[in-house]
N, C-alpha and C. Protein backbone atom coordinates (compact mmCIF):
# COMPACT_ATOMS: atom_id res chain seq x y z
N UNK A 1 -23.00 -12.88 -15.04
CA UNK A 1 -23.88 -11.75 -15.25
C UNK A 1 -23.94 -11.47 -16.75
N UNK A 2 -25.11 -11.27 -17.25
CA UNK A 2 -25.30 -10.96 -18.66
C UNK A 2 -25.06 -9.46 -18.86
N UNK A 3 -24.43 -9.10 -19.97
CA UNK A 3 -24.08 -7.70 -20.19
C UNK A 3 -25.30 -6.78 -20.23
N UNK A 4 -26.48 -7.29 -20.56
CA UNK A 4 -27.69 -6.46 -20.58
C UNK A 4 -28.12 -6.05 -19.19
N UNK A 5 -27.66 -6.78 -18.16
CA UNK A 5 -28.04 -6.46 -16.80
C UNK A 5 -27.20 -5.34 -16.20
N UNK A 6 -26.13 -4.96 -16.87
CA UNK A 6 -25.25 -3.92 -16.35
C UNK A 6 -25.88 -2.55 -16.62
N UNK A 7 -25.96 -1.75 -15.58
CA UNK A 7 -26.52 -0.42 -15.72
C UNK A 7 -25.39 0.56 -16.02
N UNK A 8 -25.56 1.33 -17.05
CA UNK A 8 -24.60 2.37 -17.39
C UNK A 8 -24.99 3.61 -16.56
N UNK A 9 -24.36 3.75 -15.42
CA UNK A 9 -24.72 4.82 -14.49
C UNK A 9 -24.47 6.20 -15.10
N UNK A 10 -23.36 6.36 -15.80
CA UNK A 10 -23.06 7.66 -16.40
C UNK A 10 -24.12 8.05 -17.42
N UNK A 11 -24.53 7.08 -18.22
CA UNK A 11 -25.58 7.36 -19.22
C UNK A 11 -26.90 7.69 -18.54
N UNK A 12 -27.25 6.94 -17.51
CA UNK A 12 -28.50 7.20 -16.79
C UNK A 12 -28.49 8.59 -16.16
N UNK A 13 -27.37 8.99 -15.59
CA UNK A 13 -27.28 10.33 -14.99
C UNK A 13 -27.35 11.41 -16.06
N UNK A 14 -26.72 11.17 -17.21
CA UNK A 14 -26.73 12.14 -18.30
C UNK A 14 -28.16 12.33 -18.82
N UNK A 15 -28.88 11.25 -19.01
CA UNK A 15 -30.25 11.34 -19.52
C UNK A 15 -31.20 11.92 -18.48
N UNK A 16 -30.96 11.61 -17.20
CA UNK A 16 -31.77 12.19 -16.14
C UNK A 16 -31.51 13.69 -16.04
N UNK A 17 -30.26 14.09 -16.17
CA UNK A 17 -29.93 15.52 -16.13
C UNK A 17 -30.67 16.27 -17.23
N UNK A 18 -30.77 15.70 -18.41
CA UNK A 18 -31.49 16.36 -19.51
C UNK A 18 -32.96 16.54 -19.15
N UNK A 19 -33.56 15.54 -18.55
CA UNK A 19 -34.96 15.65 -18.15
C UNK A 19 -35.13 16.70 -17.04
N UNK A 20 -34.23 16.71 -16.07
CA UNK A 20 -34.30 17.69 -14.98
C UNK A 20 -34.19 19.11 -15.54
N UNK A 21 -33.29 19.30 -16.50
CA UNK A 21 -33.13 20.62 -17.11
C UNK A 21 -34.40 21.03 -17.84
N UNK A 22 -34.97 20.11 -18.61
CA UNK A 22 -36.22 20.44 -19.31
C UNK A 22 -37.33 20.79 -18.32
N UNK A 23 -37.44 20.02 -17.26
CA UNK A 23 -38.47 20.29 -16.26
C UNK A 23 -38.24 21.64 -15.57
N UNK A 24 -37.00 21.92 -15.22
CA UNK A 24 -36.68 23.19 -14.56
C UNK A 24 -36.98 24.37 -15.48
N UNK A 25 -36.66 24.21 -16.76
CA UNK A 25 -36.94 25.29 -17.69
C UNK A 25 -38.44 25.45 -17.93
N UNK A 26 -39.18 24.37 -17.82
CA UNK A 26 -40.64 24.47 -17.93
C UNK A 26 -41.19 25.34 -16.79
N UNK A 27 -40.67 25.13 -15.59
CA UNK A 27 -41.12 25.92 -14.45
C UNK A 27 -40.59 27.35 -14.50
N UNK A 28 -39.52 27.57 -15.23
CA UNK A 28 -38.90 28.90 -15.32
C UNK A 28 -39.52 29.73 -16.45
N UNK A 29 -40.56 29.22 -17.08
CA UNK A 29 -41.19 29.96 -18.17
C UNK A 29 -41.77 31.27 -17.63
N UNK A 30 -41.89 32.33 -18.36
CA UNK A 30 -41.46 32.51 -19.73
C UNK A 30 -40.04 33.10 -19.84
N UNK A 31 -39.38 33.28 -18.72
CA UNK A 31 -38.10 33.99 -18.75
C UNK A 31 -36.89 33.09 -18.91
N UNK A 32 -37.01 31.81 -18.57
CA UNK A 32 -35.86 30.93 -18.59
C UNK A 32 -35.02 31.15 -17.35
N UNK A 33 -33.83 30.58 -17.34
CA UNK A 33 -32.98 30.74 -16.18
C UNK A 33 -31.52 30.50 -16.57
N UNK A 34 -30.64 30.73 -15.62
CA UNK A 34 -29.21 30.61 -15.88
C UNK A 34 -28.72 29.18 -15.64
N UNK A 35 -27.55 28.90 -16.18
CA UNK A 35 -26.97 27.57 -15.98
C UNK A 35 -26.67 27.32 -14.50
N UNK A 36 -26.42 28.38 -13.74
CA UNK A 36 -26.15 28.22 -12.31
C UNK A 36 -27.37 27.66 -11.59
N UNK A 37 -28.53 28.17 -11.90
CA UNK A 37 -29.77 27.67 -11.28
C UNK A 37 -30.00 26.22 -11.70
N UNK A 38 -29.73 25.89 -12.95
CA UNK A 38 -29.90 24.52 -13.42
C UNK A 38 -28.93 23.58 -12.72
N UNK A 39 -27.71 24.04 -12.49
CA UNK A 39 -26.72 23.22 -11.77
C UNK A 39 -27.17 22.99 -10.33
N UNK A 40 -27.65 24.04 -9.68
CA UNK A 40 -28.14 23.89 -8.29
C UNK A 40 -29.35 22.97 -8.23
N UNK A 41 -30.20 23.05 -9.22
CA UNK A 41 -31.37 22.16 -9.27
C UNK A 41 -30.92 20.70 -9.38
N UNK A 42 -29.95 20.44 -10.25
CA UNK A 42 -29.44 19.08 -10.40
C UNK A 42 -28.79 18.59 -9.12
N UNK A 43 -28.11 19.47 -8.40
CA UNK A 43 -27.48 19.08 -7.14
C UNK A 43 -28.53 18.77 -6.08
N UNK A 44 -29.68 19.41 -6.16
CA UNK A 44 -30.75 19.16 -5.18
C UNK A 44 -31.43 17.82 -5.42
N UNK A 45 -31.24 17.19 -6.58
CA UNK A 45 -31.95 15.93 -6.90
C UNK A 45 -31.51 14.78 -6.01
N UNK A 46 -30.32 14.38 -5.78
CA UNK A 46 -29.02 14.91 -6.16
C UNK A 46 -28.40 14.15 -7.32
N UNK A 47 -27.85 14.88 -8.25
CA UNK A 47 -27.04 14.33 -9.33
C UNK A 47 -25.63 14.87 -9.16
N UNK A 48 -24.65 14.02 -9.45
CA UNK A 48 -23.26 14.44 -9.35
C UNK A 48 -22.84 15.04 -10.69
N UNK A 49 -23.15 16.31 -10.90
CA UNK A 49 -22.87 16.94 -12.18
C UNK A 49 -22.04 18.20 -11.96
N UNK A 50 -21.37 18.60 -13.03
CA UNK A 50 -20.57 19.83 -13.02
C UNK A 50 -21.21 20.82 -13.99
N UNK A 51 -20.69 22.03 -13.98
CA UNK A 51 -21.23 23.03 -14.91
C UNK A 51 -20.96 22.63 -16.35
N UNK A 52 -19.85 21.94 -16.61
CA UNK A 52 -19.59 21.46 -17.97
C UNK A 52 -20.63 20.43 -18.40
N UNK A 53 -21.06 19.58 -17.48
CA UNK A 53 -22.08 18.59 -17.81
C UNK A 53 -23.43 19.28 -18.09
N UNK A 54 -23.73 20.33 -17.35
CA UNK A 54 -24.96 21.09 -17.61
C UNK A 54 -24.88 21.73 -18.99
N UNK A 55 -23.72 22.28 -19.32
CA UNK A 55 -23.57 22.90 -20.65
C UNK A 55 -23.68 21.84 -21.75
N UNK A 56 -23.11 20.68 -21.54
CA UNK A 56 -23.24 19.61 -22.53
C UNK A 56 -24.69 19.19 -22.70
N UNK A 57 -25.42 19.10 -21.60
CA UNK A 57 -26.84 18.73 -21.68
C UNK A 57 -27.63 19.82 -22.40
N UNK A 58 -27.32 21.08 -22.11
CA UNK A 58 -28.01 22.17 -22.79
C UNK A 58 -27.72 22.14 -24.29
N UNK A 59 -26.48 21.86 -24.64
CA UNK A 59 -26.11 21.77 -26.05
C UNK A 59 -26.87 20.62 -26.72
N UNK A 60 -26.99 19.49 -26.05
CA UNK A 60 -27.73 18.34 -26.57
C UNK A 60 -29.20 18.71 -26.80
N UNK A 61 -29.81 19.34 -25.79
CA UNK A 61 -31.23 19.70 -25.89
C UNK A 61 -31.45 20.78 -26.95
N UNK A 62 -30.50 21.69 -27.07
CA UNK A 62 -30.59 22.72 -28.10
C UNK A 62 -30.54 22.08 -29.49
N UNK A 63 -29.71 21.08 -29.65
CA UNK A 63 -29.60 20.39 -30.93
C UNK A 63 -30.87 19.68 -31.34
N UNK A 64 -31.73 19.35 -30.39
CA UNK A 64 -33.01 18.71 -30.69
C UNK A 64 -34.16 19.71 -30.70
N UNK A 65 -33.82 20.99 -30.57
CA UNK A 65 -34.83 22.04 -30.65
C UNK A 65 -35.70 22.16 -29.41
N UNK A 66 -35.26 21.60 -28.30
CA UNK A 66 -36.08 21.61 -27.09
C UNK A 66 -35.82 22.81 -26.20
N UNK A 67 -34.66 23.42 -26.34
CA UNK A 67 -34.32 24.61 -25.57
C UNK A 67 -33.61 25.61 -26.48
N UNK A 68 -33.66 26.87 -26.06
CA UNK A 68 -32.88 27.93 -26.71
C UNK A 68 -31.85 28.39 -25.69
N UNK A 69 -30.60 28.51 -26.13
CA UNK A 69 -29.52 28.83 -25.20
C UNK A 69 -28.77 30.06 -25.69
N UNK A 70 -28.55 31.00 -24.78
CA UNK A 70 -27.70 32.17 -25.06
C UNK A 70 -26.32 31.84 -24.54
N UNK A 71 -25.41 31.54 -25.45
CA UNK A 71 -24.07 31.07 -25.07
C UNK A 71 -23.01 32.17 -25.14
N UNK A 72 -23.38 33.35 -25.63
CA UNK A 72 -22.38 34.38 -25.85
C UNK A 72 -22.20 35.30 -24.66
N UNK A 73 -22.26 34.76 -23.49
CA UNK A 73 -22.03 35.50 -22.26
C UNK A 73 -21.36 34.58 -21.26
N UNK A 74 -20.72 35.15 -20.24
CA UNK A 74 -19.98 34.27 -19.30
C UNK A 74 -20.85 33.18 -18.68
N UNK A 75 -22.09 33.53 -18.31
CA UNK A 75 -23.00 32.54 -17.74
C UNK A 75 -24.12 32.31 -18.73
N UNK A 76 -24.26 31.07 -19.16
CA UNK A 76 -25.28 30.75 -20.17
C UNK A 76 -26.68 30.95 -19.58
N UNK A 77 -27.61 31.27 -20.47
CA UNK A 77 -29.01 31.44 -20.11
C UNK A 77 -29.83 30.57 -21.07
N UNK A 78 -30.82 29.86 -20.53
CA UNK A 78 -31.60 28.95 -21.37
C UNK A 78 -33.09 29.16 -21.15
N UNK A 79 -33.84 28.91 -22.21
CA UNK A 79 -35.31 28.94 -22.16
C UNK A 79 -35.83 27.70 -22.87
N UNK A 80 -36.96 27.21 -22.43
CA UNK A 80 -37.57 26.06 -23.09
C UNK A 80 -38.31 26.54 -24.34
N UNK A 81 -38.29 25.75 -25.38
CA UNK A 81 -39.01 26.08 -26.62
C UNK A 81 -40.39 25.44 -26.58
N UNK A 82 -41.19 25.75 -27.56
CA UNK A 82 -42.53 25.14 -27.66
C UNK A 82 -42.41 23.62 -27.80
N UNK A 83 -41.42 23.17 -28.54
CA UNK A 83 -41.21 21.72 -28.70
C UNK A 83 -40.81 21.09 -27.36
N UNK A 84 -40.00 21.80 -26.58
CA UNK A 84 -39.61 21.31 -25.26
C UNK A 84 -40.81 21.24 -24.32
N UNK A 85 -41.69 22.24 -24.41
CA UNK A 85 -42.91 22.21 -23.59
C UNK A 85 -43.78 21.02 -23.96
N UNK A 86 -43.86 20.71 -25.25
CA UNK A 86 -44.65 19.55 -25.66
C UNK A 86 -44.09 18.26 -25.07
N UNK A 87 -42.78 18.13 -24.99
CA UNK A 87 -42.17 16.93 -24.41
C UNK A 87 -42.46 16.87 -22.91
N UNK A 88 -42.32 17.99 -22.21
CA UNK A 88 -42.56 17.99 -20.77
C UNK A 88 -44.04 17.75 -20.46
N UNK A 89 -44.92 18.25 -21.31
CA UNK A 89 -46.36 18.08 -21.09
C UNK A 89 -46.91 16.78 -21.68
N UNK A 90 -46.02 15.90 -22.17
CA UNK A 90 -46.41 14.59 -22.72
C UNK A 90 -47.28 14.71 -23.96
N UNK A 91 -47.16 15.82 -24.68
CA UNK A 91 -47.89 15.97 -25.94
C UNK A 91 -47.06 15.49 -27.12
N UNK A 92 -45.77 15.25 -26.87
CA UNK A 92 -44.86 14.77 -27.92
C UNK A 92 -43.97 13.70 -27.30
N UNK A 93 -43.47 12.82 -28.17
CA UNK A 93 -42.55 11.79 -27.71
C UNK A 93 -41.24 12.42 -27.25
N UNK A 94 -40.68 11.86 -26.20
CA UNK A 94 -39.37 12.32 -25.74
C UNK A 94 -38.30 11.73 -26.65
N UNK A 95 -37.36 12.54 -27.09
CA UNK A 95 -36.29 12.00 -27.94
C UNK A 95 -35.40 11.04 -27.15
N UNK A 96 -34.75 10.17 -27.90
CA UNK A 96 -33.78 9.28 -27.25
C UNK A 96 -32.74 10.14 -26.55
N UNK A 97 -32.36 9.71 -25.37
CA UNK A 97 -31.36 10.47 -24.63
C UNK A 97 -31.95 11.37 -23.56
N UNK A 98 -33.26 11.37 -23.44
CA UNK A 98 -33.94 12.15 -22.39
C UNK A 98 -34.73 11.16 -21.55
N UNK A 99 -34.43 11.08 -20.27
CA UNK A 99 -35.05 10.09 -19.38
C UNK A 99 -36.34 10.64 -18.79
N UNK A 100 -37.33 10.82 -19.66
CA UNK A 100 -38.63 11.28 -19.17
C UNK A 100 -39.33 10.11 -18.49
N UNK A 101 -39.83 10.32 -17.29
CA UNK A 101 -40.53 9.22 -16.60
C UNK A 101 -41.85 8.92 -17.30
N UNK A 102 -42.36 7.69 -17.13
CA UNK A 102 -43.64 7.37 -17.77
C UNK A 102 -44.76 8.23 -17.20
N UNK A 103 -45.73 8.51 -18.05
CA UNK A 103 -46.88 9.30 -17.62
C UNK A 103 -47.72 8.48 -16.66
N UNK A 104 -48.22 9.11 -15.61
CA UNK A 104 -48.99 8.40 -14.61
C UNK A 104 -50.30 7.91 -15.15
């Protein structure tokens, strides 16, 4: 087996989780939603993720300016930014690390 044929499942799940979070926050506009709702959404896909993985994904997306996160409370709250909306609406390129499906 050639090493290029090996699928990195953890990476694929991490990148898919980022896309699911962006999509969920797009639907949660204009108020955003809590990390608990994002975790439940990921479980409904189903992705095997924890709340720490959701927080890591939110931190990643925040670093690329795609979401705004309120971290100074026990349960984080996130909203999609204008740049994040452009990625979800296919008006901007998806950054590396976000598994956006191809446009139909």
